[in-house]
Amino acid sequence: MRDFQIPGRSMVIADNGMAATSHPLASKVAVQILEQGGNAVDAAISAAVLLGICEPQMTGLGGDCFVLVKPAGEERVIGLNGSGRAPAALDAGALRAKAAVIDEGSADAVTIPGAVDAFVTLAKDWGRLGLKTCLAPAIHYAEQGVPVAPRVAFDWAEAADSLQGTAREDFLLAGKAPMAGQVFRAPKQAEALREIALEGRAGFYEGAVAEDMVGALRAAGGCHTLEDFAEQRCEYVEPITGTYKGHELIEMPPNGQGAVAILLANMLAEFDIASMDPFGVERTHIEAEAVKLAYDARNRFISDPSEAGKYLDHMLSTETARKLAALIDMERAMDGPGKLAEAVHKDTIYLTVVDRDRMAVSLIYSIFHSFGSGLSSDKYGILFQNRGAGFTLTEGHPNEAGPGKRPMHTIIPAMLKKNGRIMLPFGVMGGQYQAAGHGRFLTNIVDFGMNPQAAIDGPRAFPHDGVLDLERGYSEAVGQGLAAKGHKLATPETAIGGAQAILIDEEGGLLWGASDPRKDGAALGY
């Protein structure tokens, strides 16, 4: 039980259904869908699409998604890869002639949006209410507007300069980022959503909306065609799993970085994490070093499934994890993890919904960088993701940019299973942080017995670009101890990531929801 004299959040408890999202309005709409007789898939689609209006800097129709679904009455988990492909005319050689990396704000970085096809497929295969009902709340709020929430306003101001051309007209108010409380409307997107509601996937990937998107991308220098959009399809996949101290961690296979989260968990299992101070020097140091090594593997191997499949067994192997964990020096932070690991490697919204029948959905949906590429279509105001920036231009690399390929993705939904039953759908937002965040959340739950809200609330650390970011929740003494081990410390400008989770209490018949205070969201149930 938390100390009620210290600011914090209580778990939200319900027995019928629960939704946890990063915006209260999306959580409310999801619960309303459940109350109308919809299931967890219907509610998740409604909330996700609405979040494109509530948090347009984070997600939208021009983005991708990955989804895990546990059907009602069974414990199997189904994966759906809703990530888009590079256009058929993409030429890595031509891109290399321009620069060493793909320009994040260019049409070259725009892959075909995959989320809409995934939502249409989910509604058809697993939903109850139909696509029109699921999209109705987003259409309403796109027209009527949504008051901008405080964290959203903060993020909006940070990224406003990345918006280009008509996107500045669509996503700024009088040329400026909206402040908290100002109302944001997206009437153009309401029209696009109506097309999707009436025509299904054809309303987005064919006809007027597709023509609008292709026209905007071609005008920006892209090689996208109407055929690229018409051919985009989501794909059902088999989730991948790893075991951590009696718990089964369920993740999506590549091109997402779920294998990185499993590799990290396997490495952490080599240490007696439970004996350490959960927010002390030792645990934070070990976790940071393990993250460096796991992300080195990610950068080598995670790519389009056709390529990444060759390396998947290596990444999921406990022997790989054991060898990498042995490289960690308990007294000193490593430089150049890639060189150390060479011998071993030879060869941003998240939501979860659980309904009364205990169907569970773990869904993540993103446009990659804040406001994606910063480019949008003219007539329908579709903001394009820049997932193509996740490709490398290194010739021969598994993740080399290429026609029809899907780039490495940072976004990963997850579920946790114990004793053969799904106990906890969860996810952690925050771009590159997500696999590290899964490891932190998992060990908070398993090693330290935290409830999901406490596991989310605790301070976070993340090593990247030679720096260890420490949130202000860490004590000064911990910072000093980490510095003494050679870590170069920094305080991040914004909180690290965000998270949602729902604990399924089979014995008590209850759902316990948690939502990250780093965002504006909430868990709601009925």
Protein backbone atom coordinates (compact mmCIF):
# COMPACT_ATOMS: atom_id res chain seq x y z
CA MET A 1 0.00 0.00 0.00
CA ARG A 2 1.30 3.44 -0.88
CA ASP A 3 1.89 6.19 1.67
CA PHE A 4 -1.21 8.37 1.37
CA GLN A 5 0.68 11.33 2.81
CA ILE A 6 2.89 11.40 -0.29
CA PRO A 7 1.45 12.47 -3.68
CA GLY A 8 0.76 9.54 -5.93
CA ARG A 9 -1.96 7.54 -7.63
CA SER A 10 -4.07 4.69 -6.35
CA MET A 11 -4.87 1.69 -8.51
CA VAL A 12 -8.27 1.87 -10.20
CA ILE A 13 -10.41 -1.18 -9.42
CA ALA A 14 -13.39 -2.53 -11.38
CA ASP A 15 -15.04 -5.87 -12.03
CA ASN A 16 -16.64 -5.51 -15.48
CA GLY A 17 -14.19 -3.79 -17.79
CA MET A 18 -11.17 -1.50 -17.70
CA ALA A 19 -9.28 0.82 -20.05
CA ALA A 20 -5.97 2.51 -19.39
CA THR A 21 -4.79 5.14 -21.87
CA SER A 22 -2.62 8.25 -21.93
CA HIS A 23 -5.61 10.66 -22.13
CA PRO A 24 -8.72 10.69 -19.90
CA LEU A 25 -11.10 11.27 -22.81
CA ALA A 26 -9.82 8.19 -24.61
CA SER A 27 -10.22 6.10 -21.45
CA LYS A 28 -13.76 7.43 -21.01
CA VAL A 29 -14.72 6.63 -24.59
CA ALA A 30 -13.25 3.12 -24.30
CA VAL A 31 -15.34 2.42 -21.20
CA GLN A 32 -18.45 3.82 -22.91
CA ILE A 33 -17.88 1.42 -25.81
CA LEU A 34 -17.64 -1.45 -23.33
CA GLU A 35 -20.86 -0.31 -21.64
CA GLN A 36 -22.59 -0.26 -25.04
CA GLY A 37 -21.83 -3.97 -25.43
CA GLY A 38 -18.58 -3.65 -27.33
CA ASN A 39 -15.62 -5.81 -26.49
CA ALA A 40 -12.00 -4.95 -25.73
CA VAL A 41 -11.09 -4.75 -29.43
CA ASP A 42 -13.91 -2.29 -30.16
CA ALA A 43 -12.90 -0.16 -27.17
CA ALA A 44 -9.21 -0.23 -28.08
CA ILE A 45 -9.88 0.89 -31.65
CA SER A 46 -12.13 3.73 -30.48
CA ALA A 47 -9.59 4.94 -27.94
CA ALA A 48 -6.61 4.62 -30.25
CA VAL A 49 -8.13 6.59 -33.13
CA LEU A 50 -9.40 9.26 -30.73
CA LEU A 51 -5.88 9.63 -29.31
CA GLY A 52 -4.85 10.87 -32.75
CA ILE A 53 -7.00 13.91 -31.98
CA CYS A 54 -6.15 14.17 -28.27
CA GLU A 55 -2.41 13.65 -28.79
CA PRO A 56 -1.68 14.42 -32.46
CA GLN A 57 2.02 14.85 -31.75
CA MET A 58 2.18 11.21 -30.72
CA THR A 59 -0.05 9.30 -33.10
CA GLY A 60 -2.52 9.45 -35.93
CA LEU A 61 -3.94 7.86 -39.07
CA GLY A 62 -0.60 8.29 -40.84
CA GLY A 63 1.13 5.96 -38.38
CA ASP A 64 1.69 2.31 -37.53
CA CYS A 65 0.56 -0.01 -34.75
CA PHE A 66 1.33 -3.36 -33.15
CA VAL A 67 -1.34 -5.27 -31.25
CA LEU A 68 -1.56 -8.26 -28.94
CA VAL A 69 -5.02 -9.77 -28.40
CA LYS A 70 -6.04 -12.41 -25.87
CA PRO A 71 -9.45 -13.72 -26.97
CA ALA A 72 -12.20 -14.22 -24.40
CA GLY A 73 -12.31 -17.64 -22.79
CA GLU A 74 -8.79 -18.70 -23.75
CA GLU A 75 -5.19 -17.90 -22.89
CA ARG A 76 -3.57 -17.86 -26.32
CA VAL A 77 -2.30 -14.49 -27.56
CA ILE A 78 -2.56 -13.31 -31.16
CA GLY A 79 -0.17 -10.75 -32.63
CA LEU A 80 -1.01 -8.28 -35.38
CA ASN A 81 1.75 -6.35 -37.14
CA GLY A 82 0.23 -3.12 -38.41
CA SER A 83 3.47 -1.53 -39.60
CA GLY A 84 3.86 -0.06 -43.06
CA ARG A 85 6.36 -0.75 -45.80
CA ALA A 86 8.72 1.44 -47.75
CA PRO A 87 7.45 2.42 -51.21
CA ALA A 88 8.35 0.06 -54.04
CA ALA A 89 10.55 2.64 -55.73
CA LEU A 90 12.73 3.34 -52.68
CA ASP A 91 16.42 3.12 -53.63
CA ALA A 92 18.99 2.87 -50.83
CA GLY A 93 21.79 3.80 -53.23
CA ALA A 94 20.04 7.00 -54.22
CA LEU A 95 19.45 7.82 -50.55
CA ARG A 96 23.14 7.21 -49.76
CA ALA A 97 24.03 9.67 -52.51
CA LYS A 98 22.08 12.33 -50.60
CA ALA A 99 23.39 11.76 -47.08
CA ALA A 100 24.67 9.18 -44.60
CA VAL A 101 21.27 8.91 -42.90
CA ILE A 102 17.66 9.41 -43.97
CA ASP A 103 16.39 12.92 -43.29
CA GLU A 104 13.78 12.59 -40.53
CA GLY A 105 11.74 15.48 -41.91
CA SER A 106 11.69 14.38 -45.52
CA ALA A 107 9.30 12.33 -47.63
CA ASP A 108 12.09 9.73 -47.86
CA ALA A 109 11.40 8.90 -44.20
CA VAL A 110 7.68 8.30 -44.77
CA THR A 111 6.63 4.65 -44.93
CA ILE A 112 3.09 3.65 -45.91
CA PRO A 113 0.75 4.02 -42.90
CA GLY A 114 -0.16 0.59 -41.54
CA ALA A 115 -2.43 1.28 -38.58
CA VAL A 116 -5.70 1.91 -40.43
CA ASP A 117 -5.59 -1.46 -42.17
CA ALA A 118 -4.86 -3.09 -38.81
CA PHE A 119 -7.83 -1.38 -37.16
CA VAL A 120 -10.16 -2.38 -40.00
CA THR A 121 -8.90 -5.97 -39.77
CA LEU A 122 -9.30 -6.10 -35.98
CA ALA A 123 -12.83 -4.70 -36.14
CA LYS A 124 -13.83 -7.28 -38.76
CA ASP A 125 -12.14 -10.31 -37.22
CA TRP A 126 -12.51 -9.66 -33.49
CA GLY A 127 -14.87 -6.76 -32.81
CA ARG A 128 -18.60 -6.72 -32.13
CA LEU A 129 -19.93 -3.25 -32.88
CA GLY A 130 -18.52 -2.55 -36.32
CA LEU A 131 -16.13 0.09 -37.61
CA LYS A 132 -18.71 2.90 -37.86
CA THR A 133 -19.50 2.69 -34.15
CA CYS A 134 -15.84 2.47 -33.21
CA LEU A 135 -14.88 5.56 -35.21
CA ALA A 136 -17.88 7.68 -34.22
CA PRO A 137 -16.27 9.21 -31.08
CA ALA A 138 -13.14 10.28 -32.97
CA ILE A 139 -15.25 11.82 -35.74
CA HIS A 140 -17.27 13.75 -33.16
CA TYR A 141 -14.26 15.09 -31.28
CA ALA A 142 -12.29 15.86 -34.45
CA GLU A 143 -15.11 18.21 -35.40
CA GLN A 144 -16.06 19.58 -31.98
CA GLY A 145 -12.53 19.76 -30.65
CA VAL A 146 -10.63 18.59 -27.59
CA PRO A 147 -9.12 20.85 -24.90
CA VAL A 148 -5.36 20.40 -25.03
CA ALA A 149 -4.05 18.60 -21.93
CA PRO A 150 -1.02 19.88 -19.99
CA ARG A 151 1.56 17.24 -21.00
CA VAL A 152 0.30 17.34 -24.59
CA ALA A 153 0.75 21.12 -24.62
CA PHE A 154 4.31 20.72 -23.34
CA ASP A 155 5.17 18.19 -26.05
CA TRP A 156 3.42 20.26 -28.72
CA ALA A 157 5.51 23.34 -27.93
CA GLU A 158 8.71 21.27 -27.94
CA ALA A 159 8.07 19.91 -31.44
CA ALA A 160 6.10 22.68 -33.15
CA ASP A 161 9.08 23.77 -35.26
CA SER A 162 9.17 20.34 -36.94
CA LEU A 163 5.82 21.01 -38.64
CA GLN A 164 6.06 21.93 -42.30
CA GLY A 165 3.78 23.42 -44.95
CA THR A 166 0.07 22.69 -44.52
CA ALA A 167 0.84 20.79 -41.31
CA ARG A 168 1.56 24.16 -39.67
CA GLU A 169 -1.94 25.31 -40.62
CA ASP A 170 -3.55 22.10 -39.40
CA PHE A 171 -1.66 21.64 -36.12
CA LEU A 172 -0.89 25.17 -34.92
CA LEU A 173 -3.31 27.84 -33.68
CA ALA A 174 -2.53 31.25 -35.16
CA GLY A 175 0.95 29.96 -35.94
CA LYS A 176 1.70 28.82 -32.40
CA ALA A 177 1.48 25.62 -30.42
CA PRO A 178 -1.77 25.58 -28.41
CA MET A 179 -1.55 26.09 -24.70
CA ALA A 180 -3.18 23.82 -22.14
CA GLY A 181 -6.92 24.39 -22.24
CA GLN A 182 -7.08 25.70 -25.78
CA VAL A 183 -9.31 23.63 -28.06
CA PHE A 184 -7.79 21.69 -30.96
CA ARG A 185 -10.02 20.68 -33.87
CA ALA A 186 -9.23 18.50 -36.88
CA PRO A 187 -12.22 18.78 -39.25
CA LYS A 188 -10.18 17.52 -42.21
CA GLN A 189 -9.43 14.29 -40.38
CA ALA A 190 -13.11 13.94 -39.49
CA GLU A 191 -13.80 13.70 -43.23
CA ALA A 192 -11.11 11.06 -43.67
CA LEU A 193 -12.55 9.08 -40.77
CA ARG A 194 -15.99 9.21 -42.38
CA GLU A 195 -14.52 7.73 -45.55
CA ILE A 196 -12.96 4.90 -43.53
CA ALA A 197 -16.20 4.32 -41.60
CA LEU A 198 -18.15 4.02 -44.85
CA GLU A 199 -15.67 2.22 -47.09
CA GLY A 200 -13.37 0.37 -44.71
CA ARG A 201 -9.74 0.12 -45.76
CA ALA A 202 -10.61 1.28 -49.29
CA GLY A 203 -11.70 4.59 -47.78
CA PHE A 204 -8.11 5.22 -46.77
CA TYR A 205 -5.84 3.22 -49.08
CA GLU A 206 -7.77 3.94 -52.27
CA GLY A 207 -9.82 6.82 -53.64
CA ALA A 208 -9.73 10.46 -52.55
CA VAL A 209 -7.85 10.05 -49.26
CA ALA A 210 -5.08 7.96 -50.85
CA GLU A 211 -4.83 10.40 -53.75
CA ASP A 212 -4.47 13.26 -51.28
CA MET A 213 -1.68 11.48 -49.39
CA VAL A 214 0.23 10.40 -52.49
CA GLY A 215 -0.06 13.88 -54.00
CA ALA A 216 1.38 15.49 -50.88
CA LEU A 217 4.23 12.99 -50.64
CA ARG A 218 5.14 13.30 -54.32
CA ALA A 219 5.12 17.09 -54.00
CA ALA A 220 7.57 16.74 -51.10
CA GLY A 221 9.94 14.65 -53.20
CA GLY A 222 8.72 11.18 -52.29
CA CYS A 223 8.49 8.17 -54.61
CA HIS A 224 5.18 6.91 -53.17
CA THR A 225 2.44 5.69 -55.50
CA LEU A 226 -1.23 4.79 -55.27
CA GLU A 227 -0.20 1.16 -55.78
CA ASP A 228 1.97 1.32 -52.65
CA PHE A 229 -1.04 2.37 -50.60
CA ALA A 230 -3.44 -0.11 -52.22
CA GLU A 231 -1.06 -3.00 -51.50
CA GLN A 232 -0.45 -2.22 -47.81
CA ARG A 233 -1.64 -5.07 -45.57
CA CYS A 234 -1.28 -5.88 -41.89
CA GLU A 235 -0.12 -9.34 -40.89
CA TYR A 236 -1.07 -11.77 -38.11
CA VAL A 237 2.07 -13.07 -36.43
CA GLU A 238 3.02 -15.49 -33.66
CA PRO A 239 4.16 -13.62 -30.53
CA ILE A 240 7.58 -14.40 -29.08
CA THR A 241 8.11 -15.28 -25.42
CA GLY A 242 10.74 -15.36 -22.72
CA THR A 243 10.67 -16.59 -19.13
CA TYR A 244 11.63 -14.44 -16.15
CA LYS A 245 11.52 -16.07 -12.70
CA GLY A 246 8.31 -18.01 -13.26
CA HIS A 247 6.65 -15.37 -15.44
CA GLU A 248 6.26 -15.53 -19.21
CA LEU A 249 6.92 -12.27 -21.05
CA ILE A 250 4.98 -12.09 -24.33
CA GLU A 251 6.22 -9.69 -26.99
CA MET A 252 5.84 -8.99 -30.71
CA PRO A 253 8.46 -10.43 -33.08
CA PRO A 254 10.52 -8.19 -35.38
CA ASN A 255 10.30 -5.68 -36.94
CA GLY A 256 9.44 -4.37 -33.46
CA GLN A 257 12.03 -4.55 -30.68
CA GLY A 258 10.18 -7.08 -28.50
CA ALA A 259 13.11 -9.48 -28.82
CA VAL A 260 15.29 -6.80 -27.23
CA ALA A 261 13.02 -6.68 -24.18
CA ILE A 262 13.27 -10.49 -23.85
CA LEU A 263 17.05 -10.39 -24.27
CA LEU A 264 17.25 -7.70 -21.59
CA ALA A 265 15.05 -9.72 -19.23
CA ASN A 266 17.21 -12.79 -19.77
CA MET A 267 20.31 -10.76 -18.95
CA LEU A 268 18.79 -9.31 -15.79
CA ALA A 269 17.84 -12.83 -14.69
CA GLU A 270 21.57 -13.50 -14.32
CA PHE A 271 21.65 -11.12 -11.32
CA ASP A 272 20.01 -11.19 -7.89
CA ILE A 273 17.99 -8.04 -8.60
CA ALA A 274 15.56 -8.72 -5.75
CA SER A 275 18.35 -8.32 -3.17
CA MET A 276 19.12 -4.77 -4.32
CA ASP A 277 17.64 -1.39 -3.46
CA PRO A 278 15.02 -0.93 -6.21
CA PHE A 279 16.14 2.64 -6.81
CA GLY A 280 19.72 2.36 -5.64
CA VAL A 281 23.11 2.47 -7.34
CA GLU A 282 23.67 -1.25 -7.92
CA ARG A 283 20.39 -2.06 -9.63
CA THR A 284 20.48 1.10 -11.73
CA HIS A 285 24.06 0.40 -12.86
CA ILE A 286 23.38 -3.23 -13.83
CA GLU A 287 20.22 -2.28 -15.70
CA ALA A 288 21.99 0.52 -17.59
CA GLU A 289 24.84 -1.77 -18.65
CA ALA A 290 22.43 -4.52 -19.71
CA VAL A 291 20.43 -2.01 -21.74
CA LYS A 292 23.58 -0.89 -23.59
CA LEU A 293 24.33 -4.48 -24.59
CA ALA A 294 20.74 -5.32 -25.50
CA TYR A 295 20.42 -2.22 -27.67
CA ASP A 296 23.69 -3.03 -29.40
CA ALA A 297 22.05 -6.31 -30.42
CA ARG A 298 18.94 -4.43 -31.52
CA ASN A 299 20.97 -2.17 -33.78
CA ARG A 300 22.64 -5.19 -35.37
CA PHE A 301 19.67 -7.45 -35.95
CA ILE A 302 16.16 -5.93 -35.67
CA SER A 303 14.80 -5.32 -39.14
CA ASP A 304 12.14 -6.47 -41.58
CA PRO A 305 10.92 -9.94 -40.49
CA SER A 306 12.37 -11.50 -43.64
CA GLU A 307 15.84 -10.51 -42.40
CA ALA A 308 15.45 -10.45 -38.62
CA GLY A 309 14.15 -14.01 -38.53
CA LYS A 310 17.67 -15.23 -39.26
CA TYR A 311 18.88 -13.79 -35.94
CA LEU A 312 15.83 -14.24 -33.73
CA ASP A 313 16.89 -17.49 -32.07
CA HIS A 314 20.24 -15.90 -31.22
CA MET A 315 18.55 -12.92 -29.55
CA LEU A 316 16.10 -15.07 -27.57
CA SER A 317 18.71 -17.54 -26.42
CA THR A 318 19.45 -17.61 -22.69
CA GLU A 319 23.03 -18.55 -23.60
CA THR A 320 23.39 -15.28 -25.56
CA ALA A 321 22.04 -13.42 -22.53
CA ARG A 322 24.40 -15.22 -20.16
CA LYS A 323 27.45 -14.34 -22.27
CA LEU A 324 26.40 -10.71 -22.55
CA ALA A 325 25.63 -10.42 -18.83
CA ALA A 326 29.15 -11.71 -18.11
CA LEU A 327 30.54 -8.62 -19.86
CA ILE A 328 29.06 -6.31 -17.23
CA ASP A 329 31.62 -4.85 -14.83
CA MET A 330 29.90 -4.28 -11.49
CA GLU A 331 32.25 -1.41 -10.69
CA ARG A 332 32.60 0.42 -13.98
CA ALA A 333 30.37 1.74 -16.75
CA MET A 334 31.31 0.42 -20.18
CA ASP A 335 32.26 2.42 -23.24
CA GLY A 336 31.66 0.99 -26.68
CA PRO A 337 29.37 -1.96 -25.89
CA GLY A 338 29.53 -3.01 -29.53
CA LYS A 339 33.22 -3.86 -29.29
CA LEU A 340 32.75 -5.79 -26.05
CA ALA A 341 29.86 -7.79 -27.51
CA GLU A 342 31.52 -8.58 -30.85
CA ALA A 343 32.51 -12.10 -29.82
CA VAL A 344 28.96 -12.89 -28.70
CA HIS A 345 27.30 -11.55 -31.87
CA LYS A 346 29.33 -13.33 -34.43
CA ASP A 347 27.06 -14.15 -37.11
CA THR A 348 4.37 6.60 -28.95
CA ILE A 349 0.72 6.05 -27.50
CA TYR A 350 0.07 2.86 -25.67
CA LEU A 351 -3.27 1.61 -24.33
CA THR A 352 -4.71 -1.53 -22.87
CA VAL A 353 -8.31 -2.70 -22.47
CA VAL A 354 -9.80 -5.73 -20.71
CA ASP A 355 -13.54 -6.44 -21.00
CA ARG A 356 -16.01 -8.37 -18.83
CA ASP A 357 -15.31 -11.60 -20.73
CA ARG A 358 -11.59 -11.02 -20.10
CA MET A 359 -10.65 -10.43 -23.68
CA ALA A 360 -7.48 -8.36 -23.35
CA VAL A 361 -5.86 -5.97 -25.82
CA SER A 362 -2.38 -4.50 -25.64
CA LEU A 363 -1.99 -1.88 -28.38
CA ILE A 364 0.69 0.62 -29.32
CA TYR A 365 0.20 3.18 -32.10
CA SER A 366 2.66 5.84 -33.18
CA ILE A 367 3.96 8.26 -35.82
CA PHE A 368 7.54 7.80 -34.43
CA HIS A 369 9.07 11.23 -33.73
CA SER A 370 6.90 13.96 -32.25
CA PHE A 371 4.65 15.02 -35.16
CA GLY A 372 6.35 12.34 -37.26
CA SER A 373 7.91 13.73 -40.42
CA GLY A 374 6.18 17.09 -39.88
CA LEU A 375 4.51 16.65 -43.28
CA SER A 376 0.76 16.30 -43.80
CA SER A 377 -1.63 15.84 -46.70
CA ASP A 378 -3.48 18.88 -47.99
CA LYS A 379 -7.18 17.99 -48.12
CA TYR A 380 -7.53 15.53 -45.23
CA GLY A 381 -4.75 16.70 -42.91
CA ILE A 382 -3.16 13.24 -42.49
CA LEU A 383 0.14 13.70 -40.63
CA PHE A 384 2.76 11.28 -41.93
CA GLN A 385 4.98 9.17 -39.72
CA ASN A 386 8.73 9.10 -40.32
CA ARG A 387 9.31 5.42 -39.56
CA GLY A 388 11.62 5.20 -42.54
CA ALA A 389 14.18 7.02 -40.40
CA GLY A 390 14.39 3.70 -38.54
CA PHE A 391 16.19 2.21 -41.57
CA THR A 392 19.96 2.29 -41.88
CA LEU A 393 21.74 3.18 -45.12
CA THR A 394 24.67 0.86 -44.33
CA GLU A 395 24.97 -1.38 -47.37
CA GLY A 396 24.27 -5.03 -46.59
CA HIS A 397 22.90 -4.38 -43.08
CA PRO A 398 19.75 -6.42 -42.23
CA ASN A 399 17.93 -3.14 -41.63
CA GLU A 400 19.15 -1.45 -44.80
CA ALA A 401 16.44 0.63 -46.48
CA GLY A 402 14.85 -1.12 -49.42
CA PRO A 403 11.68 -1.34 -51.50
CA GLY A 404 8.75 -2.92 -49.69
CA LYS A 405 10.72 -3.44 -46.48
CA ARG A 406 9.52 -2.60 -42.97
CA PRO A 407 12.04 -0.72 -40.80
CA MET A 408 13.08 -1.50 -37.25
CA HIS A 409 10.37 -0.19 -34.92
CA THR A 410 10.73 0.97 -31.34
CA ILE A 411 7.06 0.41 -30.42
CA ILE A 412 6.16 -2.80 -28.59
CA PRO A 413 3.04 -3.95 -26.71
CA ALA A 414 3.42 -6.71 -24.14
CA MET A 415 1.60 -9.11 -21.85
CA LEU A 416 2.75 -11.04 -18.80
CA LYS A 417 1.58 -14.58 -18.08
CA LYS A 418 1.87 -16.61 -14.89
CA ASN A 419 0.76 -20.19 -14.23
CA GLY A 420 -0.52 -20.42 -17.78
CA ARG A 421 -2.85 -17.42 -17.52
CA ILE A 422 -2.53 -13.87 -18.80
CA MET A 423 -2.20 -11.68 -15.72
CA LEU A 424 -1.06 -8.31 -17.04
CA PRO A 425 -1.29 -6.57 -20.42
CA PHE A 426 1.11 -3.61 -20.33
CA GLY A 427 3.19 -1.27 -22.40
CA VAL A 428 5.73 1.49 -22.00
CA MET A 429 5.89 4.52 -24.29
CA GLY A 430 8.94 6.61 -24.97
CA GLY A 431 10.52 5.84 -28.35
CA GLN A 432 13.90 4.21 -27.88
CA TYR A 433 13.25 3.67 -24.15
CA GLN A 434 10.51 1.11 -24.62
CA ALA A 435 12.46 -2.16 -24.42
CA ALA A 436 14.38 -0.80 -21.41
CA GLY A 437 11.06 0.25 -19.92
CA HIS A 438 9.67 -3.26 -20.27
CA GLY A 439 12.67 -4.59 -18.37
CA ARG A 440 12.26 -2.02 -15.60
CA PHE A 441 8.50 -2.60 -15.27
CA LEU A 442 8.93 -6.40 -15.30
CA THR A 443 11.56 -6.44 -12.56
CA ASN A 444 9.62 -3.94 -10.47
CA ILE A 445 6.67 -6.35 -10.56
CA VAL A 446 8.50 -9.68 -10.20
CA ASP A 447 11.57 -8.87 -8.09
CA PHE A 448 10.16 -6.17 -5.84
CA GLY A 449 6.49 -7.17 -5.65
CA MET A 450 5.26 -3.73 -6.67
CA ASN A 451 1.71 -3.29 -7.85
CA PRO A 452 1.46 -2.02 -11.45
CA GLN A 453 0.91 1.61 -10.43
CA ALA A 454 3.94 1.63 -8.14
CA ALA A 455 5.96 -0.15 -10.83
CA ILE A 456 5.06 2.62 -13.27
CA ASP A 457 5.53 5.50 -10.82
CA GLY A 458 9.10 4.67 -9.77
CA PRO A 459 11.97 6.80 -11.15
CA ARG A 460 13.56 5.79 -14.43
CA ALA A 461 17.03 5.81 -15.90
CA PHE A 462 18.07 5.33 -19.53
CA PRO A 463 21.53 5.17 -21.13
CA HIS A 464 21.89 6.60 -24.63
CA ASP A 465 24.51 8.42 -26.68
CA GLY A 466 27.11 8.05 -23.95
CA VAL A 467 24.91 9.61 -21.25
CA LEU A 468 22.82 8.07 -18.48
CA ASP A 469 19.59 10.04 -18.10
CA LEU A 470 18.33 10.01 -14.50
CA GLU A 471 14.90 11.30 -13.60
CA ARG A 472 14.74 13.63 -10.62
CA GLY A 473 13.13 10.88 -8.54
CA TYR A 474 16.58 9.45 -7.83
CA SER A 475 18.41 10.71 -4.76
CA GLU A 476 21.55 12.80 -4.99
CA ALA A 477 23.49 9.99 -3.33
CA VAL A 478 22.50 7.56 -6.10
CA GLY A 479 23.66 10.04 -8.71
CA GLN A 480 27.00 10.38 -6.96
CA GLY A 481 27.39 6.60 -6.74
CA LEU A 482 26.68 6.15 -10.44
CA ALA A 483 29.08 8.95 -11.35
CA ALA A 484 31.76 7.19 -9.31
CA LYS A 485 31.30 4.15 -11.56
CA GLY A 486 32.00 6.29 -14.61
CA HIS A 487 28.48 7.11 -15.78
CA LYS A 488 28.07 10.52 -17.39
CA LEU A 489 24.81 11.74 -15.90
CA ALA A 490 22.14 14.08 -17.21
CA THR A 491 18.65 15.11 -16.14
CA PRO A 492 16.28 14.59 -19.10
CA GLU A 493 14.30 17.60 -20.32
CA THR A 494 11.09 15.61 -20.09
CA ALA A 495 10.04 12.59 -18.06
CA ILE A 496 11.19 9.28 -19.52
CA GLY A 497 8.33 7.58 -21.33
CA GLY A 498 4.89 6.70 -20.06
CA ALA A 499 3.02 3.46 -19.36
CA GLN A 500 -0.32 1.74 -18.87
CA ALA A 501 -1.19 -1.63 -17.36
CA ILE A 502 -4.18 -3.68 -16.21
CA LEU A 503 -3.74 -6.47 -13.68
CA ILE A 504 -6.25 -9.31 -14.14
CA ASP A 505 -7.06 -10.74 -10.71
CA GLU A 506 -8.64 -14.09 -11.56
CA GLU A 507 -9.11 -15.12 -7.94
CA GLY A 508 -10.87 -11.94 -6.88
CA GLY A 509 -12.64 -11.40 -10.19
CA LEU A 510 -11.30 -7.84 -10.37
CA LEU A 511 -9.32 -5.63 -12.74
CA TRP A 512 -6.68 -3.27 -11.34
CA GLY A 513 -5.72 -0.44 -13.68
CA ALA A 514 -2.65 1.82 -13.70
CA SER A 515 -1.70 4.84 -15.80
CA ASP A 516 1.54 6.81 -15.81
CA PRO A 517 1.52 10.22 -14.08
CA ARG A 518 4.17 11.31 -16.58
CA LYS A 519 1.30 11.66 -19.05
CA ASP A 520 -2.22 13.13 -18.82
CA GLY A 521 -3.95 9.77 -18.88
CA ALA A 522 -6.04 7.65 -16.59
CA ALA A 523 -7.25 4.14 -15.98
CA LEU A 524 -11.04 3.91 -15.83
CA GLY A 525 -13.35 0.96 -15.20
CA TYR A 526 -16.98 0.11 -14.58
